[in-house]
Amino acid sequence: MKVGVQMISDDFRGKYKYHYLNGIPLFELYHTNTELNCINFLTLNRMVNNAVCDDWFNKKIKKGVTLYNEIECIKLPAPNPTLEKYSFFETVSRRRSIRNYSKIPLSLEELSTILFYSAGISGKYDETEQHPRQLLRTYPSAGALFPINLYLFINNVEGLDKGIYYYDAINNNIKCLNKYCNIDTLCEVLSYDGISLQGACAIFMLANMELVGYKYGERGYRFINIEAGHIAQNFYLVSTAIGIGTVALGGFLDEELLELLPLDREKYFMLYQLVIGNINFNSDYWFPPSK
């Protein structure tokens, strides 16, 4: 195991309190011990090749992962690209982190459009002798493994009860997991509770390291966090394109949030939070003028 490198200056080491192991910040230990070099690069290649040739692994990829199959699905309306208000480059220019939302509910069509174009299925590879059948999504994922699941805390969406929902991207539907966990309960485990109270929907990304870890080892944890960033940027751009606000947040109590969800807490961990909703334009946001 590498002992770390001097990633932060002595001045900052004196100011900030990190978790240390043998005097080295944990983030340094992780980063340096997942760096690639001419030796462990060969080990990683062997791991990747072993995974690709493993029937169990390929069956998992081919099948795709859908959770809560025993729960009745709520079919979402077809995503509607005509909701678009801004061109691509206008959308990029208008992207903002919106922290103030109006009381206007999000429509089910808007929610469906945001979910589909941010994290939905956009195509597939048909099975060949060299390649298993594989579903493709609107964001990149290391090895096309897609280890991240989305959970929705609905607060103000037309046609939906408040509560916890799971987004089934493979079938573009949602499943109600708990109607009795209201937004007030959620806010007890968030540091940005005021934002979540205003928003129409809070979205949480949870990940499972099983397939990614099998193929890429510890370096796979880097890939999962990078993937969460890809998804979040999609949510920003798609929401902005149809005139909806979004903000990404990282202030939540991980274990307490997991306790609200019906899943194996030993296999999943929290990554990221987003809030979406109609923008309160009385707040001080600057947007470039539309062309």
C-alpha atoms as a PDB file:
ATOM      1  CA  MET A   1       0.000   0.000   0.000  1.00  0.00           C
ATOM      2  CA  LYS A   2       1.286   3.449  -0.877  1.00  0.00           C
ATOM      3  CA  VAL A   3       1.706   5.831   2.044  1.00  0.00           C
ATOM      4  CA  GLY A   4       0.382   8.860   0.182  1.00  0.00           C
ATOM      5  CA  VAL A   5       1.893  11.978  -1.320  1.00  0.00           C
ATOM      6  CA  GLN A   6       1.829  15.564  -0.125  1.00  0.00           C
ATOM      7  CA  MET A   7      -1.442  16.544  -1.824  1.00  0.00           C
ATOM      8  CA  ILE A   8      -2.111  19.494   0.481  1.00  0.00           C
ATOM      9  CA  SER A   9       0.306  22.040   1.884  1.00  0.00           C
ATOM     10  CA  ASP A  10       1.328  22.155   5.523  1.00  0.00           C
ATOM     11  CA  ASP A  11      -0.648  25.411   5.887  1.00  0.00           C
ATOM     12  CA  PHE A  12      -3.876  23.665   4.964  1.00  0.00           C
ATOM     13  CA  ARG A  13      -3.051  20.601   7.011  1.00  0.00           C
ATOM     14  CA  GLY A  14      -2.957  22.862  10.036  1.00  0.00           C
ATOM     15  CA  LYS A  15      -6.300  24.511   9.245  1.00  0.00           C
ATOM     16  CA  TYR A  16      -8.486  21.552   8.294  1.00  0.00           C
ATOM     17  CA  LYS A  17      -9.433  18.457  10.227  1.00  0.00           C
ATOM     18  CA  TYR A  18      -9.341  15.331   8.083  1.00  0.00           C
ATOM     19  CA  HIS A  19      -9.721  11.697   8.994  1.00  0.00           C
ATOM     20  CA  TYR A  20      -6.205  10.304   9.171  1.00  0.00           C
ATOM     21  CA  LEU A  21      -4.675   6.842   9.071  1.00  0.00           C
ATOM     22  CA  ASN A  22      -1.066   6.737  10.246  1.00  0.00           C
ATOM     23  CA  GLY A  23      -0.879  10.493   9.799  1.00  0.00           C
ATOM     24  CA  ILE A  24      -2.138  10.468   6.206  1.00  0.00           C
ATOM     25  CA  PRO A  25      -5.554  11.873   5.170  1.00  0.00           C
ATOM     26  CA  LEU A  26      -7.870   9.124   3.958  1.00  0.00           C
ATOM     27  CA  PHE A  27      -8.517  10.822   0.624  1.00  0.00           C
ATOM     28  CA  GLU A  28      -4.767  10.787  -0.082  1.00  0.00           C
ATOM     29  CA  LEU A  29      -4.537   7.105   0.787  1.00  0.00           C
ATOM     30  CA  TYR A  30      -7.443   6.226  -1.475  1.00  0.00           C
ATOM     31  CA  HIS A  31      -6.302   8.352  -4.400  1.00  0.00           C
ATOM     32  CA  THR A  32      -2.679   7.239  -4.373  1.00  0.00           C
ATOM     33  CA  ASN A  33      -3.624   3.576  -3.914  1.00  0.00           C
ATOM     34  CA  THR A  34      -5.969   3.621  -6.907  1.00  0.00           C
ATOM     35  CA  GLU A  35      -3.521   5.315  -9.260  1.00  0.00           C
ATOM     36  CA  LEU A  36      -2.427   3.251 -12.250  1.00  0.00           C
ATOM     37  CA  ASN A  37       1.186   2.483 -13.101  1.00  0.00           C
ATOM     38  CA  CYS A  38       2.985   0.118 -15.468  1.00  0.00           C
ATOM     39  CA  ILE A  39       2.651  -2.736 -12.950  1.00  0.00           C
ATOM     40  CA  ASN A  40      -0.913  -2.573 -11.632  1.00  0.00           C
ATOM     41  CA  PHE A  41      -2.197  -1.542 -15.061  1.00  0.00           C
ATOM     42  CA  LEU A  42      -1.608  -5.140 -16.143  1.00  0.00           C
ATOM     43  CA  THR A  43      -3.495  -6.377 -13.077  1.00  0.00           C
ATOM     44  CA  LEU A  44      -6.441  -4.148 -13.954  1.00  0.00           C
ATOM     45  CA  ASN A  45      -6.405  -5.459 -17.524  1.00  0.00           C
ATOM     46  CA  ARG A  46      -6.588  -9.026 -16.229  1.00  0.00           C
ATOM     47  CA  MET A  47      -9.526  -8.122 -13.983  1.00  0.00           C
ATOM     48  CA  VAL A  48     -11.362  -6.534 -16.906  1.00  0.00           C
ATOM     49  CA  ASN A  49     -10.700  -9.520 -19.167  1.00  0.00           C
ATOM     50  CA  ASN A  50     -11.804 -11.970 -16.467  1.00  0.00           C
ATOM     51  CA  ALA A  51     -15.053 -10.060 -16.019  1.00  0.00           C
ATOM     52  CA  VAL A  52     -15.753  -9.881 -19.739  1.00  0.00           C
ATOM     53  CA  CYS A  53     -15.283 -13.670 -20.044  1.00  0.00           C
ATOM     54  CA  ASP A  54     -17.372 -14.491 -16.960  1.00  0.00           C
ATOM     55  CA  ASP A  55     -20.828 -15.895 -17.800  1.00  0.00           C
ATOM     56  CA  TRP A  56     -22.266 -14.746 -14.445  1.00  0.00           C
ATOM     57  CA  PHE A  57     -21.051 -11.206 -15.087  1.00  0.00           C
ATOM     58  CA  ASN A  58     -22.405 -11.118 -18.644  1.00  0.00           C
ATOM     59  CA  LYS A  59     -25.801 -12.444 -17.573  1.00  0.00           C
ATOM     60  CA  LYS A  60     -26.028  -9.634 -15.027  1.00  0.00           C
ATOM     61  CA  ILE A  61     -25.290  -7.060 -17.717  1.00  0.00           C
ATOM     62  CA  LYS A  62     -27.692  -8.620 -20.218  1.00  0.00           C
ATOM     63  CA  LYS A  63     -30.548  -8.762 -17.747  1.00  0.00           C
ATOM     64  CA  GLY A  64     -30.173  -5.246 -16.405  1.00  0.00           C
ATOM     65  CA  VAL A  65     -31.179  -4.365 -12.871  1.00  0.00           C
ATOM     66  CA  THR A  66     -34.740  -3.545 -11.879  1.00  0.00           C
ATOM     67  CA  LEU A  67     -35.652  -3.439  -8.215  1.00  0.00           C
ATOM     68  CA  TYR A  68     -38.972  -3.894  -6.415  1.00  0.00           C
ATOM     69  CA  ASN A  69     -40.495  -6.095  -9.119  1.00  0.00           C
ATOM     70  CA  GLU A  70     -43.282  -7.064  -6.718  1.00  0.00           C
ATOM     71  CA  ILE A  71     -44.532  -3.461  -6.509  1.00  0.00           C
ATOM     72  CA  GLU A  72     -47.087  -2.134  -8.980  1.00  0.00           C
ATOM     73  CA  CYS A  73     -45.654   0.240 -11.565  1.00  0.00           C
ATOM     74  CA  ILE A  74     -46.887   3.753 -12.203  1.00  0.00           C
ATOM     75  CA  LYS A  75     -46.476   4.308 -15.927  1.00  0.00           C
ATOM     76  CA  LEU A  76     -45.079   7.722 -16.742  1.00  0.00           C
ATOM     77  CA  PRO A  77     -46.328   9.760 -19.707  1.00  0.00           C
ATOM     78  CA  ALA A  78     -44.137   9.615 -22.781  1.00  0.00           C
ATOM     79  CA  PRO A  79     -41.241  12.071 -22.515  1.00  0.00           C
ATOM     80  CA  ASN A  80     -42.046  15.165 -24.530  1.00  0.00           C
ATOM     81  CA  PRO A  81     -39.118  16.855 -26.304  1.00  0.00           C
ATOM     82  CA  THR A  82     -41.431  19.653 -27.492  1.00  0.00           C
ATOM     83  CA  LEU A  83     -41.354  21.026 -23.936  1.00  0.00           C
ATOM     84  CA  GLU A  84     -37.945  22.419 -24.860  1.00  0.00           C
ATOM     85  CA  LYS A  85     -37.793  26.206 -24.494  1.00  0.00           C
ATOM     86  CA  TYR A  86     -34.129  26.838 -25.251  1.00  0.00           C
ATOM     87  CA  SER A  87     -31.583  25.628 -27.772  1.00  0.00           C
ATOM     88  CA  PHE A  88     -28.617  23.581 -26.597  1.00  0.00           C
ATOM     89  CA  PHE A  89     -26.200  26.499 -26.352  1.00  0.00           C
ATOM     90  CA  GLU A  90     -28.822  28.708 -24.717  1.00  0.00           C
ATOM     91  CA  THR A  91     -29.429  25.920 -22.207  1.00  0.00           C
ATOM     92  CA  VAL A  92     -25.738  25.692 -21.335  1.00  0.00           C
ATOM     93  CA  SER A  93     -25.586  29.471 -20.861  1.00  0.00           C
ATOM     94  CA  ARG A  94     -28.690  29.508 -18.653  1.00  0.00           C
ATOM     95  CA  ARG A  95     -27.657  26.629 -16.377  1.00  0.00           C
ATOM     96  CA  ARG A  96     -27.889  27.756 -12.748  1.00  0.00           C
ATOM     97  CA  SER A  97     -28.130  26.156  -9.318  1.00  0.00           C
ATOM     98  CA  ILE A  98     -31.655  27.155  -8.302  1.00  0.00           C
ATOM     99  CA  ARG A  99     -32.310  27.322  -4.563  1.00  0.00           C
ATOM    100  CA  ASN A 100     -35.683  29.070  -4.507  1.00  0.00           C
ATOM    101  CA  TYR A 101     -38.773  27.407  -5.952  1.00  0.00           C
ATOM    102  CA  SER A 102     -42.355  28.468  -6.532  1.00  0.00           C
ATOM    103  CA  LYS A 103     -45.418  26.597  -5.286  1.00  0.00           C
ATOM    104  CA  ILE A 104     -46.430  25.675  -8.832  1.00  0.00           C
ATOM    105  CA  PRO A 105     -46.436  21.861  -9.043  1.00  0.00           C
ATOM    106  CA  LEU A 106     -44.333  19.961 -11.523  1.00  0.00           C
ATOM    107  CA  SER A 107     -46.447  18.175 -14.121  1.00  0.00           C
ATOM    108  CA  LEU A 108     -46.092  14.419 -14.536  1.00  0.00           C
ATOM    109  CA  GLU A 109     -45.088  15.022 -18.148  1.00  0.00           C
ATOM    110  CA  GLU A 110     -42.305  17.361 -17.042  1.00  0.00           C
ATOM    111  CA  LEU A 111     -41.074  14.835 -14.479  1.00  0.00           C
ATOM    112  CA  SER A 112     -41.109  12.046 -17.075  1.00  0.00           C
ATOM    113  CA  THR A 113     -39.234  14.179 -19.595  1.00  0.00           C
ATOM    114  CA  ILE A 114     -36.562  15.155 -17.076  1.00  0.00           C
ATOM    115  CA  LEU A 115     -36.063  11.585 -15.837  1.00  0.00           C
ATOM    116  CA  PHE A 116     -35.968  10.028 -19.303  1.00  0.00           C
ATOM    117  CA  TYR A 117     -33.543  12.450 -20.931  1.00  0.00           C
ATOM    118  CA  SER A 118     -31.357  12.659 -17.814  1.00  0.00           C
ATOM    119  CA  ALA A 119     -31.094   8.971 -16.936  1.00  0.00           C
ATOM    120  CA  GLY A 120     -33.300   6.921 -19.253  1.00  0.00           C
ATOM    121  CA  ILE A 121     -32.708   4.215 -21.855  1.00  0.00           C
ATOM    122  CA  SER A 122     -31.701   5.751 -25.183  1.00  0.00           C
ATOM    123  CA  GLY A 123     -30.861   2.631 -27.216  1.00  0.00           C
ATOM    124  CA  LYS A 124     -29.356  -0.843 -27.107  1.00  0.00           C
ATOM    125  CA  TYR A 125     -26.698  -3.097 -28.556  1.00  0.00           C
ATOM    126  CA  ASP A 126     -28.159  -6.330 -29.868  1.00  0.00           C
ATOM    127  CA  GLU A 127     -26.428  -9.502 -28.753  1.00  0.00           C
ATOM    128  CA  THR A 128     -23.608 -10.876 -30.923  1.00  0.00           C
ATOM    129  CA  GLU A 129     -21.022 -13.605 -30.444  1.00  0.00           C
ATOM    130  CA  GLN A 130     -18.529 -11.000 -29.255  1.00  0.00           C
ATOM    131  CA  HIS A 131     -20.861  -8.742 -27.295  1.00  0.00           C
ATOM    132  CA  PRO A 132     -23.807  -9.328 -24.938  1.00  0.00           C
ATOM    133  CA  ARG A 133     -27.079  -7.473 -25.376  1.00  0.00           C
ATOM    134  CA  GLN A 134     -26.672  -4.141 -23.648  1.00  0.00           C
ATOM    135  CA  LEU A 135     -28.992  -1.253 -22.886  1.00  0.00           C
ATOM    136  CA  LEU A 136     -27.650   2.243 -23.464  1.00  0.00           C
ATOM    137  CA  ARG A 137     -28.513   5.322 -21.456  1.00  0.00           C
ATOM    138  CA  THR A 138     -28.274   9.063 -21.849  1.00  0.00           C
ATOM    139  CA  TYR A 139     -25.058   9.278 -19.803  1.00  0.00           C
ATOM    140  CA  PRO A 140     -21.717   7.423 -19.912  1.00  0.00           C
ATOM    141  CA  SER A 141     -20.924   4.669 -17.423  1.00  0.00           C
ATOM    142  CA  ALA A 142     -17.676   2.739 -16.982  1.00  0.00           C
ATOM    143  CA  GLY A 143     -18.120  -0.533 -18.849  1.00  0.00           C
ATOM    144  CA  ALA A 144     -21.799   0.363 -19.411  1.00  0.00           C
ATOM    145  CA  LEU A 145     -22.523  -1.166 -15.985  1.00  0.00           C
ATOM    146  CA  PHE A 146     -24.835   1.616 -14.718  1.00  0.00           C
ATOM    147  CA  PRO A 147     -24.506   0.944 -10.974  1.00  0.00           C
ATOM    148  CA  ILE A 148     -26.522   4.004  -9.875  1.00  0.00           C
ATOM    149  CA  ASN A 149     -30.208   3.880  -8.909  1.00  0.00           C
ATOM    150  CA  LEU A 150     -32.474   6.904  -8.533  1.00  0.00           C
ATOM    151  CA  TYR A 151     -34.929   7.405  -5.678  1.00  0.00           C
ATOM    152  CA  LEU A 152     -37.480  10.221  -5.739  1.00  0.00           C
ATOM    153  CA  PHE A 153     -38.971  12.016  -2.759  1.00  0.00           C
ATOM    154  CA  ILE A 154     -42.102  13.495  -4.307  1.00  0.00           C
ATOM    155  CA  ASN A 155     -43.330  16.702  -2.703  1.00  0.00           C
ATOM    156  CA  ASN A 156     -45.303  18.655  -5.310  1.00  0.00           C
ATOM    157  CA  VAL A 157     -45.969  16.740  -8.534  1.00  0.00           C
ATOM    158  CA  GLU A 158     -49.393  16.652 -10.193  1.00  0.00           C
ATOM    159  CA  GLY A 159     -51.053  13.252 -10.002  1.00  0.00           C
ATOM    160  CA  LEU A 160     -48.641  11.742  -7.470  1.00  0.00           C
ATOM    161  CA  ASP A 161     -48.997  11.288  -3.725  1.00  0.00           C
ATOM    162  CA  LYS A 162     -46.167  12.605  -1.616  1.00  0.00           C
ATOM    163  CA  GLY A 163     -43.708   9.900  -0.652  1.00  0.00           C
ATOM    164  CA  ILE A 164     -40.727   7.820  -1.753  1.00  0.00           C
ATOM    165  CA  TYR A 165     -40.547   6.404  -5.284  1.00  0.00           C
ATOM    166  CA  TYR A 166     -38.051   4.339  -7.253  1.00  0.00           C
ATOM    167  CA  TYR A 167     -37.300   5.226 -10.878  1.00  0.00           C
ATOM    168  CA  ASP A 168     -37.212   2.157 -13.113  1.00  0.00           C
ATOM    169  CA  ALA A 169     -35.218   3.486 -16.047  1.00  0.00           C
ATOM    170  CA  ILE A 170     -35.420   0.247 -18.038  1.00  0.00           C
ATOM    171  CA  ASN A 171     -39.217   0.486 -18.290  1.00  0.00           C
ATOM    172  CA  ASN A 172     -39.529   4.265 -17.792  1.00  0.00           C
ATOM    173  CA  ASN A 173     -41.883   4.017 -14.846  1.00  0.00           C
ATOM    174  CA  ILE A 174     -41.835   4.698 -11.123  1.00  0.00           C
ATOM    175  CA  LYS A 175     -42.797   2.565  -8.136  1.00  0.00           C
ATOM    176  CA  CYS A 176     -44.216   3.975  -4.918  1.00  0.00           C
ATOM    177  CA  LEU A 177     -42.265   2.561  -1.974  1.00  0.00           C
ATOM    178  CA  ASN A 178     -43.643   4.603   0.904  1.00  0.00           C
ATOM    179  CA  LYS A 179     -46.536   7.101   0.923  1.00  0.00           C
ATOM    180  CA  TYR A 180     -46.075   7.799   4.614  1.00  0.00           C
ATOM    181  CA  CYS A 181     -42.572   9.252   4.476  1.00  0.00           C
ATOM    182  CA  ASN A 182     -43.361  12.916   3.891  1.00  0.00           C
ATOM    183  CA  ILE A 183     -40.993  15.733   3.060  1.00  0.00           C
ATOM    184  CA  ASP A 184     -40.828  16.795   6.721  1.00  0.00           C
ATOM    185  CA  THR A 185     -39.365  13.400   7.627  1.00  0.00           C
ATOM    186  CA  LEU A 186     -36.859  13.748   4.818  1.00  0.00           C
ATOM    187  CA  CYS A 187     -35.793  17.193   5.942  1.00  0.00           C
ATOM    188  CA  GLU A 188     -34.748  15.822   9.320  1.00  0.00           C
ATOM    189  CA  VAL A 189     -31.790  14.151   7.630  1.00  0.00           C
ATOM    190  CA  LEU A 190     -30.831  17.005   5.280  1.00  0.00           C
ATOM    191  CA  SER A 191     -28.675  20.023   5.953  1.00  0.00           C
ATOM    192  CA  TYR A 192     -30.385  21.976   3.158  1.00  0.00           C
ATOM    193  CA  ASP A 193     -33.897  21.207   4.322  1.00  0.00           C
ATOM    194  CA  GLY A 194     -35.343  24.566   3.248  1.00  0.00           C
ATOM    195  CA  ILE A 195     -34.459  23.912  -0.383  1.00  0.00           C
ATOM    196  CA  SER A 196     -35.969  20.426  -0.336  1.00  0.00           C
ATOM    197  CA  LEU A 197     -39.154  21.740   1.296  1.00  0.00           C
ATOM    198  CA  GLN A 198     -39.658  24.184  -1.571  1.00  0.00           C
ATOM    199  CA  GLY A 199     -38.791  21.833  -4.426  1.00  0.00           C
ATOM    200  CA  ALA A 200     -41.261  19.620  -6.264  1.00  0.00           C
ATOM    201  CA  CYS A 201     -39.030  16.557  -6.061  1.00  0.00           C
ATOM    202  CA  ALA A 202     -35.778  15.538  -4.373  1.00  0.00           C
ATOM    203  CA  ILE A 203     -33.738  12.938  -6.238  1.00  0.00           C
ATOM    204  CA  PHE A 204     -31.129  10.745  -4.581  1.00  0.00           C
ATOM    205  CA  MET A 205     -28.455   8.682  -6.301  1.00  0.00           C
ATOM    206  CA  LEU A 206     -27.502   5.393  -4.673  1.00  0.00           C
ATOM    207  CA  ALA A 207     -24.830   3.031  -5.959  1.00  0.00           C
ATOM    208  CA  ASN A 208     -23.964  -0.646  -5.753  1.00  0.00           C
ATOM    209  CA  MET A 209     -20.265  -1.532  -6.194  1.00  0.00           C
ATOM    210  CA  GLU A 210     -20.864  -5.219  -7.000  1.00  0.00           C
ATOM    211  CA  LEU A 211     -20.310  -5.270 -10.772  1.00  0.00           C
ATOM    212  CA  VAL A 212     -18.045  -2.224 -10.961  1.00  0.00           C
ATOM    213  CA  GLY A 213     -15.824  -3.546  -8.181  1.00  0.00           C
ATOM    214  CA  TYR A 214     -15.618  -6.981  -9.791  1.00  0.00           C
ATOM    215  CA  LYS A 215     -14.464  -5.507 -13.085  1.00  0.00           C
ATOM    216  CA  TYR A 216     -12.359  -2.521 -11.982  1.00  0.00           C
ATOM    217  CA  GLY A 217     -11.436  -3.167  -8.344  1.00  0.00           C
ATOM    218  CA  GLU A 218     -11.043  -0.204  -5.987  1.00  0.00           C
ATOM    219  CA  ARG A 219     -10.632   2.150  -8.937  1.00  0.00           C
ATOM    220  CA  GLY A 220     -14.277   1.481  -9.734  1.00  0.00           C
ATOM    221  CA  TYR A 221     -15.277   3.728  -6.843  1.00  0.00           C
ATOM    222  CA  ARG A 222     -13.771   6.641  -8.754  1.00  0.00           C
ATOM    223  CA  PHE A 223     -15.878   5.718 -11.772  1.00  0.00           C
ATOM    224  CA  ILE A 224     -19.100   5.612  -9.763  1.00  0.00           C
ATOM    225  CA  ASN A 225     -18.611   9.136  -8.444  1.00  0.00           C
ATOM    226  CA  ILE A 226     -17.713  10.410 -11.895  1.00  0.00           C
ATOM    227  CA  GLU A 227     -20.895   8.794 -13.212  1.00  0.00           C
ATOM    228  CA  ALA A 228     -22.964  10.599 -10.583  1.00  0.00           C
ATOM    229  CA  GLY A 229     -21.559  13.847 -11.952  1.00  0.00           C
ATOM    230  CA  HIS A 230     -22.571  12.916 -15.497  1.00  0.00           C
ATOM    231  CA  ILE A 231     -26.124  12.209 -14.340  1.00  0.00           C
ATOM    232  CA  ALA A 232     -26.335  15.423 -12.343  1.00  0.00           C
ATOM    233  CA  GLN A 233     -25.216  17.525 -15.301  1.00  0.00           C
ATOM    234  CA  ASN A 234     -27.882  15.868 -17.442  1.00  0.00           C
ATOM    235  CA  PHE A 235     -30.510  16.824 -14.864  1.00  0.00           C
ATOM    236  CA  TYR A 236     -29.250  20.398 -14.899  1.00  0.00           C
ATOM    237  CA  LEU A 237     -29.312  20.713 -18.677  1.00  0.00           C
ATOM    238  CA  VAL A 238     -32.586  18.885 -19.338  1.00  0.00           C
ATOM    239  CA  SER A 239     -34.385  20.785 -16.582  1.00  0.00           C
ATOM    240  CA  THR A 240     -32.987  24.094 -17.787  1.00  0.00           C
ATOM    241  CA  ALA A 241     -34.000  23.326 -21.375  1.00  0.00           C
ATOM    242  CA  ILE A 242     -37.674  22.997 -20.374  1.00  0.00           C
ATOM    243  CA  GLY A 243     -37.647  25.910 -17.925  1.00  0.00           C
ATOM    244  CA  ILE A 244     -37.381  23.943 -14.664  1.00  0.00           C
ATOM    245  CA  GLY A 245     -34.893  24.663 -11.881  1.00  0.00           C
ATOM    246  CA  THR A 246     -32.344  22.254 -10.417  1.00  0.00           C
ATOM    247  CA  VAL A 247     -29.711  22.241  -7.698  1.00  0.00           C
ATOM    248  CA  ALA A 248     -27.222  19.531  -6.722  1.00  0.00           C
ATOM    249  CA  LEU A 249     -26.579  19.042  -3.000  1.00  0.00           C
ATOM    250  CA  GLY A 250     -24.246  16.939  -0.888  1.00  0.00           C
ATOM    251  CA  GLY A 251     -25.411  17.730   2.645  1.00  0.00           C
ATOM    252  CA  PHE A 252     -27.325  14.697   3.901  1.00  0.00           C
ATOM    253  CA  LEU A 253     -27.009  12.101   6.636  1.00  0.00           C
ATOM    254  CA  ASP A 254     -26.069   8.993   4.700  1.00  0.00           C
ATOM    255  CA  GLU A 255     -27.123   6.263   7.113  1.00  0.00           C
ATOM    256  CA  GLU A 256     -30.339   7.980   8.156  1.00  0.00           C
ATOM    257  CA  LEU A 257     -31.377   8.391   4.526  1.00  0.00           C
ATOM    258  CA  LEU A 258     -30.670   4.739   3.791  1.00  0.00           C
ATOM    259  CA  GLU A 259     -32.907   3.775   6.709  1.00  0.00           C
ATOM    260  CA  LEU A 260     -35.832   5.451   4.921  1.00  0.00           C
ATOM    261  CA  LEU A 261     -35.430   3.173   1.896  1.00  0.00           C
ATOM    262  CA  PRO A 262     -36.414  -0.498   1.541  1.00  0.00           C
ATOM    263  CA  LEU A 263     -33.100  -1.937   0.382  1.00  0.00           C
ATOM    264  CA  ASP A 264     -30.065  -3.889   1.552  1.00  0.00           C
ATOM    265  CA  ARG A 265     -28.076  -1.175   3.301  1.00  0.00           C
ATOM    266  CA  GLU A 266     -24.950  -3.335   3.229  1.00  0.00           C
ATOM    267  CA  LYS A 267     -24.851  -3.183  -0.587  1.00  0.00           C
ATOM    268  CA  TYR A 268     -25.843   0.403  -1.357  1.00  0.00           C
ATOM    269  CA  PHE A 269     -24.426   3.780  -0.444  1.00  0.00           C
ATOM    270  CA  MET A 270     -25.514   7.379  -0.953  1.00  0.00           C
ATOM    271  CA  LEU A 271     -23.770   9.549  -3.523  1.00  0.00           C
ATOM    272  CA  TYR A 272     -25.636  12.708  -4.429  1.00  0.00           C
ATOM    273  CA  GLN A 273     -28.869  14.682  -4.140  1.00  0.00           C
ATOM    274  CA  LEU A 274     -30.726  16.872  -6.622  1.00  0.00           C
ATOM    275  CA  VAL A 275     -33.800  19.040  -6.152  1.00  0.00           C
ATOM    276  CA  ILE A 276     -36.016  20.046  -9.086  1.00  0.00           C
ATOM    277  CA  GLY A 277     -39.019  22.346  -9.301  1.00  0.00           C
ATOM    278  CA  ASN A 278     -40.538  25.443 -10.870  1.00  0.00           C
ATOM    279  CA  ILE A 279     -38.345  28.483 -10.393  1.00  0.00           C
ATOM    280  CA  ASN A 280     -39.273  31.355  -8.106  1.00  0.00           C
ATOM    281  CA  PHE A 281     -38.341  34.222 -10.424  1.00  0.00           C
ATOM    282  CA  ASN A 282     -38.766  36.758  -7.629  1.00  0.00           C
ATOM    283  CA  SER A 283     -35.346  35.610  -6.422  1.00  0.00           C
ATOM    284  CA  ASP A 284     -32.142  37.184  -7.643  1.00  0.00           C
ATOM    285  CA  TYR A 285     -31.128  34.939 -10.540  1.00  0.00           C
ATOM    286  CA  TRP A 286     -29.373  36.241 -13.617  1.00  0.00           C
ATOM    287  CA  PHE A 287     -30.099  34.544 -16.920  1.00  0.00           C
ATOM    288  CA  PRO A 288     -28.726  35.619 -20.297  1.00  0.00           C
ATOM    289  CA  PRO A 289     -31.417  37.087 -22.560  1.00  0.00           C
ATOM    290  CA  SER A 290     -33.034  34.587 -24.922  1.00  0.00           C
ATOM    291  CA  LYS A 291     -32.317  35.023 -28.595  1.00  0.00           C
END
